[in-house]
N, C-alpha and C. Protein backbone atom coordinates (compact mmCIF):
# COMPACT_ATOMS: atom_id res chain seq x y z
N MET A 1 31.03 119.09 74.21
CA MET A 1 30.19 117.96 74.59
C MET A 1 31.03 116.83 75.17
N GLU A 2 32.14 116.49 74.48
CA GLU A 2 32.98 115.39 74.97
C GLU A 2 33.62 115.73 76.30
N LEU A 3 33.98 116.98 76.49
CA LEU A 3 34.57 117.38 77.77
C LEU A 3 33.55 117.26 78.89
N GLU A 4 32.30 117.53 78.60
CA GLU A 4 31.25 117.35 79.60
C GLU A 4 31.14 115.89 80.00
N ASN A 5 31.24 115.00 79.00
CA ASN A 5 31.17 113.56 79.29
C ASN A 5 32.34 113.13 80.16
N PHE A 6 33.53 113.68 79.88
CA PHE A 6 34.68 113.34 80.71
C PHE A 6 34.49 113.87 82.13
N GLY A 7 33.89 115.04 82.25
CA GLY A 7 33.62 115.60 83.57
C GLY A 7 32.65 114.72 84.35
N LYS A 8 31.60 114.26 83.67
CA LYS A 8 30.64 113.37 84.32
C LYS A 8 31.29 112.04 84.69
N LEU A 9 32.14 111.55 83.79
CA LEU A 9 32.84 110.30 84.05
C LEU A 9 33.76 110.44 85.26
N GLU A 10 34.49 111.55 85.30
CA GLU A 10 35.37 111.79 86.45
C GLU A 10 34.56 111.87 87.74
N GLU A 11 33.43 112.53 87.67
CA GLU A 11 32.56 112.67 88.84
C GLU A 11 32.07 111.30 89.31
N ARG A 12 31.63 110.49 88.38
CA ARG A 12 31.14 109.15 88.73
C ARG A 12 32.25 108.28 89.29
N ILE A 13 33.43 108.35 88.66
CA ILE A 13 34.57 107.56 89.16
C ILE A 13 34.96 108.04 90.56
N GLY A 14 34.94 109.35 90.76
CA GLY A 14 35.22 109.89 92.09
C GLY A 14 34.23 109.38 93.12
N GLY A 15 32.96 109.35 92.73
CA GLY A 15 31.93 108.83 93.64
C GLY A 15 32.14 107.35 93.93
N LEU A 16 32.49 106.60 92.90
CA LEU A 16 32.75 105.17 93.09
C LEU A 16 33.94 104.94 94.02
N LEU A 17 35.00 105.73 93.82
CA LEU A 17 36.18 105.58 94.68
C LEU A 17 35.86 105.93 96.12
N LYS A 18 35.05 106.97 96.31
CA LYS A 18 34.65 107.35 97.67
C LYS A 18 33.83 106.23 98.30
N THR A 19 32.88 105.69 97.55
CA THR A 19 32.06 104.60 98.05
C THR A 19 32.92 103.38 98.37
N TYR A 20 33.89 103.10 97.50
CA TYR A 20 34.80 101.98 97.71
C TYR A 20 35.56 102.15 99.03
N GLU A 21 36.10 103.33 99.26
CA GLU A 21 36.86 103.59 100.49
C GLU A 21 35.97 103.47 101.72
N GLU A 22 34.74 103.95 101.62
CA GLU A 22 33.80 103.84 102.74
C GLU A 22 33.48 102.38 103.03
N LEU A 23 33.25 101.62 101.96
CA LEU A 23 32.94 100.19 102.14
C LEU A 23 34.14 99.42 102.67
N LYS A 24 35.31 99.80 102.22
CA LYS A 24 36.53 99.16 102.70
C LYS A 24 36.71 99.40 104.21
N ALA A 25 36.46 100.65 104.63
CA ALA A 25 36.56 100.99 106.05
C ALA A 25 35.51 100.23 106.85
N LYS A 26 34.29 100.16 106.33
CA LYS A 26 33.21 99.44 107.01
C LYS A 26 33.56 97.96 107.12
N ASN A 27 34.13 97.41 106.05
CA ASN A 27 34.52 96.00 106.05
C ASN A 27 35.57 95.73 107.13
N ASN A 28 36.54 96.63 107.25
CA ASN A 28 37.56 96.47 108.29
C ASN A 28 36.95 96.54 109.68
N THR A 29 36.01 97.45 109.86
CA THR A 29 35.31 97.56 111.14
C THR A 29 34.56 96.26 111.46
N LEU A 30 33.86 95.74 110.46
CA LEU A 30 33.10 94.50 110.65
C LEU A 30 34.02 93.32 110.94
N LYS A 31 35.18 93.29 110.30
CA LYS A 31 36.15 92.22 110.57
C LYS A 31 36.62 92.27 112.02
N GLU A 32 36.88 93.47 112.52
CA GLU A 32 37.30 93.61 113.91
C GLU A 32 36.18 93.19 114.87
N GLU A 33 34.96 93.59 114.55
CA GLU A 33 33.83 93.19 115.38
C GLU A 33 33.67 91.68 115.37
N LEU A 34 33.87 91.06 114.22
CA LEU A 34 33.77 89.61 114.11
C LEU A 34 34.82 88.93 114.96
N LYS A 35 36.05 89.45 114.93
CA LYS A 35 37.12 88.88 115.76
C LYS A 35 36.74 88.93 117.23
N LEU A 36 36.18 90.08 117.67
CA LEU A 36 35.78 90.21 119.06
C LEU A 36 34.66 89.23 119.42
N LYS A 37 33.70 89.07 118.51
CA LYS A 37 32.60 88.13 118.76
C LYS A 37 33.12 86.70 118.82
N GLU A 38 34.05 86.36 117.92
CA GLU A 38 34.61 85.01 117.93
C GLU A 38 35.38 84.75 119.22
N LEU A 39 36.08 85.77 119.71
CA LEU A 39 36.81 85.64 120.97
C LEU A 39 35.83 85.42 122.13
N LYS A 40 34.74 86.16 122.12
CA LYS A 40 33.73 85.98 123.17
C LYS A 40 33.11 84.59 123.11
N ILE A 41 32.87 84.09 121.92
CA ILE A 41 32.32 82.75 121.76
C ILE A 41 33.30 81.72 122.30
N LYS A 42 34.58 81.90 121.99
CA LYS A 42 35.61 80.97 122.48
C LYS A 42 35.64 80.98 124.01
N GLU A 43 35.61 82.17 124.59
CA GLU A 43 35.62 82.28 126.05
C GLU A 43 34.37 81.63 126.65
N PHE A 44 33.23 81.83 126.01
CA PHE A 44 31.99 81.23 126.50
C PHE A 44 32.08 79.71 126.44
N LYS A 45 32.61 79.17 125.35
CA LYS A 45 32.76 77.72 125.23
C LYS A 45 33.68 77.16 126.30
N GLU A 46 34.77 77.88 126.57
CA GLU A 46 35.69 77.45 127.62
C GLU A 46 35.01 77.45 128.99
N ARG A 47 34.24 78.49 129.25
CA ARG A 47 33.50 78.54 130.52
C ARG A 47 32.49 77.41 130.61
N LEU A 48 31.84 77.12 129.50
CA LEU A 48 30.86 76.04 129.47
C LEU A 48 31.53 74.69 129.73
N GLU A 49 32.70 74.47 129.12
CA GLU A 49 33.43 73.23 129.35
C GLU A 49 33.83 73.09 130.81
N ARG A 50 34.31 74.19 131.41
CA ARG A 50 34.68 74.15 132.83
C ARG A 50 33.47 73.83 133.69
N SER A 51 32.34 74.42 133.36
CA SER A 51 31.11 74.17 134.12
C SER A 51 30.69 72.72 134.00
N GLU A 52 30.82 72.16 132.80
CA GLU A 52 30.47 70.75 132.61
C GLU A 52 31.39 69.84 133.42
N LYS A 53 32.67 70.16 133.47
CA LYS A 53 33.61 69.36 134.26
C LYS A 53 33.27 69.46 135.74
N GLU A 54 32.99 70.69 136.19
CA GLU A 54 32.63 70.88 137.60
C GLU A 54 31.34 70.13 137.92
N LYS A 55 30.42 70.15 137.01
CA LYS A 55 29.15 69.43 137.20
C LYS A 55 29.43 67.93 137.36
N GLY A 56 30.35 67.40 136.55
CA GLY A 56 30.70 65.99 136.66
C GLY A 56 31.34 65.66 138.00
N VAL A 57 32.22 66.55 138.48
CA VAL A 57 32.87 66.33 139.77
C VAL A 57 31.83 66.37 140.89
N VAL A 58 30.94 67.34 140.84
CA VAL A 58 29.90 67.45 141.86
C VAL A 58 29.02 66.20 141.83
N ARG A 59 28.67 65.75 140.64
CA ARG A 59 27.83 64.55 140.53
C ARG A 59 28.52 63.34 141.16
N GLU A 60 29.82 63.19 140.90
CA GLU A 60 30.57 62.07 141.48
C GLU A 60 30.58 62.15 143.00
N LYS A 61 30.79 63.35 143.52
CA LYS A 61 30.83 63.51 144.98
C LYS A 61 29.46 63.21 145.60
N VAL A 62 28.40 63.68 144.96
CA VAL A 62 27.06 63.42 145.48
C VAL A 62 26.77 61.92 145.42
N ASP A 63 27.12 61.29 144.31
CA ASP A 63 26.92 59.83 144.21
C ASP A 63 27.70 59.10 145.30
N GLY A 64 28.93 59.56 145.56
CA GLY A 64 29.73 58.94 146.62
C GLY A 64 29.08 59.12 147.98
N LEU A 65 28.56 60.31 148.25
CA LEU A 65 27.89 60.55 149.52
C LEU A 65 26.63 59.71 149.66
N ILE A 66 25.88 59.59 148.58
CA ILE A 66 24.66 58.76 148.61
C ILE A 66 25.03 57.31 148.88
N THR A 67 26.09 56.83 148.26
CA THR A 67 26.54 55.45 148.47
C THR A 67 26.94 55.24 149.93
N ARG A 68 27.66 56.21 150.48
CA ARG A 68 28.06 56.10 151.88
C ARG A 68 26.84 56.12 152.80
N LEU A 69 25.88 56.97 152.51
CA LEU A 69 24.67 57.03 153.32
C LEU A 69 23.88 55.73 153.23
N ASP A 70 23.80 55.17 152.01
CA ASP A 70 23.11 53.89 151.84
C ASP A 70 23.80 52.81 152.66
N GLY A 71 25.13 52.83 152.68
CA GLY A 71 25.89 51.86 153.49
C GLY A 71 25.61 52.03 154.97
N LEU A 72 25.54 53.27 155.43
CA LEU A 72 25.25 53.52 156.84
C LEU A 72 23.84 53.06 157.20
N ILE A 73 22.89 53.34 156.30
CA ILE A 73 21.50 52.98 156.56
C ILE A 73 21.37 51.45 156.63
N GLN A 74 22.06 50.75 155.76
CA GLN A 74 21.97 49.28 155.74
C GLN A 74 22.60 48.66 156.98
N ASN A 75 23.56 49.33 157.58
CA ASN A 75 24.21 48.80 158.78
C ASN A 75 23.44 49.11 160.04
N VAL A 76 22.45 49.93 159.97
CA VAL A 76 21.69 50.31 161.16
C VAL A 76 20.66 49.29 161.49
């Protein structure tokens, strides 16, 4: 009877160890996926910042052109 209990215990511990290893592998996979997602987010933020800067430059140029046109119109 006691040997049967040890056999069941060994079986359960074996199952737990297998599950642990599977979860550990899955965790490592998820960590790698998270790193890739964080890198993509960083790249997206950088692109967004560049777009905002470009938008500011374009706005300044358009404002400058409008000012010049207003000056020309007033001189006519």
